[in-house]
Amino acid sequence: MVEEESNLPEYRGFNNIDAFKESLQQVTTQLESIRTSFYQGVEEIERIKKMLDVSHLNKFSNII
């Protein structure tokens, strides 16, 4: 069998538990940042959508 090289650190034994916990914390922080950024983007899209809807209604009102 051919062994694949991995860039992931190996966590064997109790000596590396702290390093493993730190890596998990970093991943959790990064995921939270991505989630926050995503929701901010969604909110921005909703604001743009509302502005476009209001603009469309104003134009329609002016025509009437």
Protein backbone atom coordinates (compact mmCIF):
# COMPACT_ATOMS: atom_id res chain seq x y z
CA MET A 1 0.00 0.00 0.00
CA VAL A 2 1.11 3.53 -0.70
CA GLU A 3 0.93 5.90 2.24
CA GLU A 4 -0.38 9.36 1.50
CA GLU A 5 1.43 12.32 2.97
CA SER A 6 -0.74 14.54 5.06
CA ASN A 7 -0.27 18.16 6.03
CA LEU A 8 -2.38 17.58 9.12
CA PRO A 9 -0.51 17.24 12.39
CA GLU A 10 -0.76 13.93 14.18
CA TYR A 11 -2.10 13.96 17.72
CA ARG A 12 -0.99 10.81 19.49
CA GLY A 13 -1.06 10.29 23.20
CA PHE A 14 -1.86 12.71 25.94
CA ASN A 15 1.18 14.90 25.30
CA ASN A 16 -0.44 16.56 22.31
CA ILE A 17 -3.93 17.08 23.73
CA ASP A 18 -3.24 20.76 24.34
CA ALA A 19 -2.05 21.20 20.75
CA PHE A 20 -5.15 19.40 19.52
CA LYS A 21 -7.41 21.61 21.65
CA GLU A 22 -5.64 24.72 20.33
CA SER A 23 -6.14 23.57 16.74
CA LEU A 24 -9.83 22.94 17.41
CA GLN A 25 -10.14 26.40 18.94
CA GLN A 26 -8.52 27.98 15.88
CA VAL A 27 -10.84 26.10 13.53
CA THR A 28 -13.85 27.10 15.63
CA THR A 29 -12.77 30.75 15.52
CA GLN A 30 -12.31 30.61 11.75
CA LEU A 31 -15.70 28.98 11.24
CA GLU A 32 -17.36 31.62 13.42
CA SER A 33 -15.69 34.33 11.35
CA ILE A 34 -16.94 32.75 8.12
CA ARG A 35 -20.46 32.42 9.53
CA THR A 36 -20.49 36.04 10.67
CA SER A 37 -19.24 37.23 7.29
CA PHE A 38 -21.89 35.14 5.52
CA TYR A 39 -24.73 36.56 7.60
CA GLN A 40 -23.45 40.12 7.11
CA GLY A 41 -23.48 39.47 3.35
CA VAL A 42 -27.04 38.16 3.52
CA GLU A 43 -28.14 41.24 5.48
CA GLU A 44 -26.48 43.50 2.91
CA ILE A 45 -28.27 41.68 0.08
CA GLU A 46 -31.59 42.11 1.90
CA ARG A 47 -30.95 45.87 2.30
CA ILE A 48 -30.14 46.19 -1.40
CA LYS A 49 -33.24 44.21 -2.31
CA LYS A 50 -35.43 46.49 -0.17
CA MET A 51 -33.87 49.62 -1.73
CA LEU A 52 -34.54 48.30 -5.20
CA ASP A 53 -38.13 47.42 -4.31
CA VAL A 54 -38.78 50.91 -2.88
CA SER A 55 -37.16 52.51 -5.91
CA HIS A 56 -39.37 50.46 -8.21
CA LEU A 57 -42.49 51.45 -6.26
CA ASN A 58 -41.57 55.15 -6.38
CA LYS A 59 -41.14 55.02 -10.15
CA PHE A 60 -44.46 53.25 -10.51
CA SER A 61 -46.17 55.86 -8.29
CA ASN A 62 -44.73 58.69 -10.37
CA ILE A 63 -46.10 57.14 -13.55
CA ILE A 64 -49.60 56.93 -12.05
